[in-house]
Amino acid sequence: MRIAPDKWKHFWVGLGLGLLFQVAGLWLLPGHLLTVSLANVIAVAVIAYGFELYSKFTGHGHYEVMDAVASVIGGMVGLGIAFVV
């Protein structure tokens, strides 16, 4: 089973968002790891699905839920990397 190239693009964008949000959140709210992480997971999910809805309603791109899922998975990986580092 091969993963489509566009899913990888969504994964990498989600990873970047997760890293950026986690680092910024922990910098702004040190000592609140659980709160920051939960807020960041929600933010990445809202942005990923929001972009898909934007594509659906404006006709720019194509709507596919699995693109949002790939972005969220990438975001979770990014959050985990930021947490470990």
N, C-alpha and C. Protein backbone atom coordinates (compact mmCIF):
# COMPACT_ATOMS: atom_id res chain seq x y z
N MET A 1 0.84 -1.18 0.00
CA MET A 1 0.00 0.00 0.00
C MET A 1 0.89 1.24 0.00
N ARG A 2 0.73 2.07 -1.00
CA ARG A 2 1.52 3.29 -1.11
C ARG A 2 0.71 4.48 -0.63
N ILE A 3 1.41 5.40 -0.01
CA ILE A 3 0.77 6.63 0.44
C ILE A 3 0.93 7.67 -0.66
N ALA A 4 -0.17 8.31 -1.01
CA ALA A 4 -0.17 9.29 -2.11
C ALA A 4 0.75 10.46 -1.78
N PRO A 5 1.42 11.01 -2.79
CA PRO A 5 2.35 12.13 -2.56
C PRO A 5 1.70 13.34 -1.91
N ASP A 6 0.43 13.62 -2.22
CA ASP A 6 -0.21 14.78 -1.60
C ASP A 6 -0.44 14.57 -0.11
N LYS A 7 -0.59 13.33 0.31
CA LYS A 7 -0.74 13.05 1.75
C LYS A 7 0.56 13.34 2.48
N TRP A 8 1.68 13.06 1.82
CA TRP A 8 2.97 13.39 2.43
C TRP A 8 3.13 14.89 2.58
N LYS A 9 2.67 15.65 1.60
CA LYS A 9 2.74 17.12 1.71
C LYS A 9 1.94 17.59 2.92
N HIS A 10 0.74 17.05 3.08
CA HIS A 10 -0.08 17.42 4.23
C HIS A 10 0.58 16.99 5.54
N PHE A 11 1.19 15.82 5.53
CA PHE A 11 1.90 15.34 6.72
C PHE A 11 3.01 16.31 7.12
N TRP A 12 3.82 16.73 6.15
CA TRP A 12 4.95 17.62 6.45
C TRP A 12 4.49 18.99 6.91
N VAL A 13 3.42 19.49 6.31
CA VAL A 13 2.88 20.78 6.76
C VAL A 13 2.35 20.65 8.18
N GLY A 14 1.65 19.57 8.47
CA GLY A 14 1.15 19.32 9.83
C GLY A 14 2.29 19.19 10.83
N LEU A 15 3.36 18.53 10.42
CA LEU A 15 4.53 18.38 11.30
C LEU A 15 5.11 19.76 11.63
N GLY A 16 5.24 20.61 10.63
CA GLY A 16 5.75 21.96 10.86
C GLY A 16 4.84 22.76 11.78
N LEU A 17 3.53 22.65 11.57
CA LEU A 17 2.58 23.34 12.45
C LEU A 17 2.70 22.84 13.88
N GLY A 18 2.76 21.53 14.04
CA GLY A 18 2.88 20.95 15.38
C GLY A 18 4.13 21.42 16.10
N LEU A 19 5.26 21.39 15.39
CA LEU A 19 6.51 21.87 15.99
C LEU A 19 6.42 23.34 16.38
N LEU A 20 5.95 24.15 15.45
CA LEU A 20 5.86 25.59 15.69
C LEU A 20 4.93 25.90 16.86
N PHE A 21 3.74 25.31 16.85
CA PHE A 21 2.77 25.59 17.91
C PHE A 21 3.26 25.10 19.27
N GLN A 22 3.89 23.92 19.31
CA GLN A 22 4.34 23.39 20.59
C GLN A 22 5.48 24.22 21.16
N VAL A 23 6.44 24.57 20.33
CA VAL A 23 7.56 25.39 20.81
C VAL A 23 7.06 26.75 21.28
N ALA A 24 6.20 27.39 20.48
CA ALA A 24 5.66 28.70 20.85
C ALA A 24 4.81 28.60 22.12
N GLY A 25 3.99 27.57 22.20
CA GLY A 25 3.14 27.40 23.38
C GLY A 25 3.92 27.17 24.65
N LEU A 26 4.95 26.34 24.57
CA LEU A 26 5.76 26.08 25.76
C LEU A 26 6.62 27.27 26.13
N TRP A 27 6.97 28.09 25.14
CA TRP A 27 7.72 29.30 25.43
C TRP A 27 6.83 30.33 26.12
N LEU A 28 5.57 30.42 25.65
CA LEU A 28 4.64 31.38 26.24
C LEU A 28 4.07 30.92 27.58
N LEU A 29 3.86 29.63 27.74
CA LEU A 29 3.27 29.09 28.97
C LEU A 29 4.14 27.96 29.53
N PRO A 30 5.33 28.28 30.02
CA PRO A 30 6.18 27.21 30.55
C PRO A 30 5.53 26.54 31.76
N GLY A 31 5.69 25.25 31.84
CA GLY A 31 5.14 24.50 32.97
C GLY A 31 3.71 24.04 32.77
N HIS A 32 3.11 24.33 31.63
CA HIS A 32 1.74 23.91 31.36
C HIS A 32 1.73 22.97 30.16
N LEU A 33 2.49 21.91 30.24
CA LEU A 33 2.68 21.00 29.12
C LEU A 33 1.38 20.39 28.63
N LEU A 34 0.57 19.89 29.54
CA LEU A 34 -0.68 19.22 29.14
C LEU A 34 -1.65 20.20 28.48
N THR A 35 -1.80 21.36 29.07
CA THR A 35 -2.71 22.37 28.52
C THR A 35 -2.25 22.83 27.14
N VAL A 36 -0.97 23.12 27.01
CA VAL A 36 -0.42 23.57 25.73
C VAL A 36 -0.56 22.48 24.67
N SER A 37 -0.24 21.25 25.03
CA SER A 37 -0.31 20.15 24.07
C SER A 37 -1.74 19.91 23.59
N LEU A 38 -2.69 19.92 24.51
CA LEU A 38 -4.09 19.72 24.14
C LEU A 38 -4.58 20.86 23.24
N ALA A 39 -4.24 22.09 23.59
CA ALA A 39 -4.64 23.23 22.78
C ALA A 39 -4.02 23.14 21.39
N ASN A 40 -2.80 22.67 21.30
CA ASN A 40 -2.12 22.57 20.01
C ASN A 40 -2.70 21.46 19.14
N VAL A 41 -3.07 20.35 19.74
CA VAL A 41 -3.72 19.28 18.97
C VAL A 41 -5.02 19.80 18.38
N ILE A 42 -5.79 20.51 19.19
CA ILE A 42 -7.06 21.07 18.71
C ILE A 42 -6.80 22.10 17.61
N ALA A 43 -5.80 22.96 17.81
CA ALA A 43 -5.48 23.99 16.81
C ALA A 43 -5.06 23.37 15.49
N VAL A 44 -4.22 22.36 15.52
CA VAL A 44 -3.78 21.70 14.28
C VAL A 44 -4.97 21.04 13.59
N ALA A 45 -5.84 20.40 14.35
CA ALA A 45 -7.01 19.74 13.76
C ALA A 45 -7.95 20.76 13.12
N VAL A 46 -8.18 21.88 13.82
CA VAL A 46 -9.07 22.91 13.28
C VAL A 46 -8.48 23.52 12.01
N ILE A 47 -7.20 23.80 12.02
CA ILE A 47 -6.56 24.38 10.83
C ILE A 47 -6.58 23.39 9.67
N ALA A 48 -6.26 22.13 9.94
CA ALA A 48 -6.23 21.11 8.88
C ALA A 48 -7.61 20.93 8.25
N TYR A 49 -8.63 20.77 9.07
CA TYR A 49 -9.97 20.57 8.52
C TYR A 49 -10.52 21.87 7.94
N GLY A 50 -10.17 22.98 8.55
CA GLY A 50 -10.59 24.27 8.03
C GLY A 50 -10.06 24.52 6.63
N PHE A 51 -8.84 24.12 6.39
CA PHE A 51 -8.27 24.27 5.05
C PHE A 51 -9.03 23.39 4.05
N GLU A 52 -9.40 22.19 4.46
CA GLU A 52 -10.17 21.32 3.57
C GLU A 52 -11.55 21.91 3.29
N LEU A 53 -12.18 22.48 4.30
CA LEU A 53 -13.48 23.14 4.07
C LEU A 53 -13.33 24.34 3.14
N TYR A 54 -12.25 25.09 3.32
CA TYR A 54 -11.98 26.22 2.43
C TYR A 54 -11.86 25.72 0.99
N SER A 55 -11.14 24.62 0.80
CA SER A 55 -10.99 24.06 -0.54
C SER A 55 -12.33 23.63 -1.12
N LYS A 56 -13.18 23.07 -0.28
CA LYS A 56 -14.48 22.59 -0.74
C LYS A 56 -15.39 23.74 -1.17
N PHE A 57 -15.46 24.78 -0.38
CA PHE A 57 -16.43 25.84 -0.64
C PHE A 57 -15.95 26.89 -1.63
N THR A 58 -14.64 27.04 -1.80
CA THR A 58 -14.14 28.04 -2.73
C THR A 58 -13.76 27.44 -4.08
N GLY A 59 -13.55 26.13 -4.12
CA GLY A 59 -13.13 25.50 -5.37
C GLY A 59 -11.63 25.56 -5.60
N HIS A 60 -10.89 26.14 -4.67
CA HIS A 60 -9.42 26.15 -4.76
C HIS A 60 -8.91 24.84 -4.18
N GLY A 61 -8.50 23.94 -5.02
CA GLY A 61 -8.06 22.63 -4.56
C GLY A 61 -9.24 21.68 -4.51
N HIS A 62 -9.05 20.55 -3.84
CA HIS A 62 -10.13 19.59 -3.71
C HIS A 62 -10.27 19.16 -2.26
N TYR A 63 -11.49 18.88 -1.88
CA TYR A 63 -11.83 18.49 -0.51
C TYR A 63 -11.60 17.00 -0.33
N GLU A 64 -10.82 16.65 0.67
CA GLU A 64 -10.62 15.25 1.01
C GLU A 64 -10.28 15.15 2.49
N VAL A 65 -11.10 14.43 3.23
CA VAL A 65 -10.92 14.32 4.67
C VAL A 65 -9.58 13.68 5.01
N MET A 66 -9.11 12.75 4.19
CA MET A 66 -7.84 12.08 4.49
C MET A 66 -6.65 13.05 4.43
N ASP A 67 -6.79 14.14 3.68
CA ASP A 67 -5.75 15.17 3.71
C ASP A 67 -5.67 15.80 5.10
N ALA A 68 -6.83 16.08 5.68
CA ALA A 68 -6.86 16.64 7.03
C ALA A 68 -6.30 15.63 8.04
N VAL A 69 -6.63 14.37 7.85
CA VAL A 69 -6.11 13.33 8.75
C VAL A 69 -4.59 13.26 8.66
N ALA A 70 -4.05 13.33 7.46
CA ALA A 70 -2.59 13.30 7.29
C ALA A 70 -1.95 14.52 7.96
N SER A 71 -2.59 15.68 7.87
CA SER A 71 -2.06 16.87 8.52
C SER A 71 -2.08 16.73 10.04
N VAL A 72 -3.14 16.18 10.57
CA VAL A 72 -3.24 16.00 12.02
C VAL A 72 -2.21 14.99 12.51
N ILE A 73 -2.02 13.92 11.77
CA ILE A 73 -0.99 12.93 12.15
C ILE A 73 0.38 13.59 12.15
N GLY A 74 0.68 14.38 11.12
CA GLY A 74 1.94 15.11 11.09
C GLY A 74 2.06 16.07 12.26
N GLY A 75 0.96 16.74 12.59
CA GLY A 75 0.97 17.65 13.73
C GLY A 75 1.26 16.94 15.04
N MET A 76 0.70 15.75 15.21
CA MET A 76 0.96 14.97 16.43
C MET A 76 2.43 14.56 16.50
N VAL A 77 3.00 14.19 15.37
CA VAL A 77 4.42 13.84 15.34
C VAL A 77 5.25 15.07 15.69
N GLY A 78 4.89 16.23 15.14
CA GLY A 78 5.60 17.47 15.44
C GLY A 78 5.52 17.83 16.92
N LEU A 79 4.34 17.64 17.52
CA LEU A 79 4.19 17.90 18.95
C LEU A 79 5.10 16.97 19.75
N GLY A 80 5.14 15.71 19.34
CA GLY A 80 5.99 14.74 20.03
C GLY A 80 7.47 15.06 19.91
N ILE A 81 7.90 15.48 18.73
CA ILE A 81 9.30 15.86 18.54
C ILE A 81 9.65 17.04 19.41
N ALA A 82 8.78 18.06 19.43
CA ALA A 82 9.04 19.25 20.25
C ALA A 82 9.07 18.88 21.73
N PHE A 83 8.23 17.96 22.14
CA PHE A 83 8.20 17.51 23.53
C PHE A 83 9.50 16.81 23.92
N VAL A 84 9.99 15.95 23.05
CA VAL A 84 11.22 15.22 23.34
C VAL A 84 12.43 16.14 23.38
N VAL A 85 12.47 17.08 22.44
CA VAL A 85 13.60 18.00 22.37
C VAL A 85 13.46 19.02 23.47
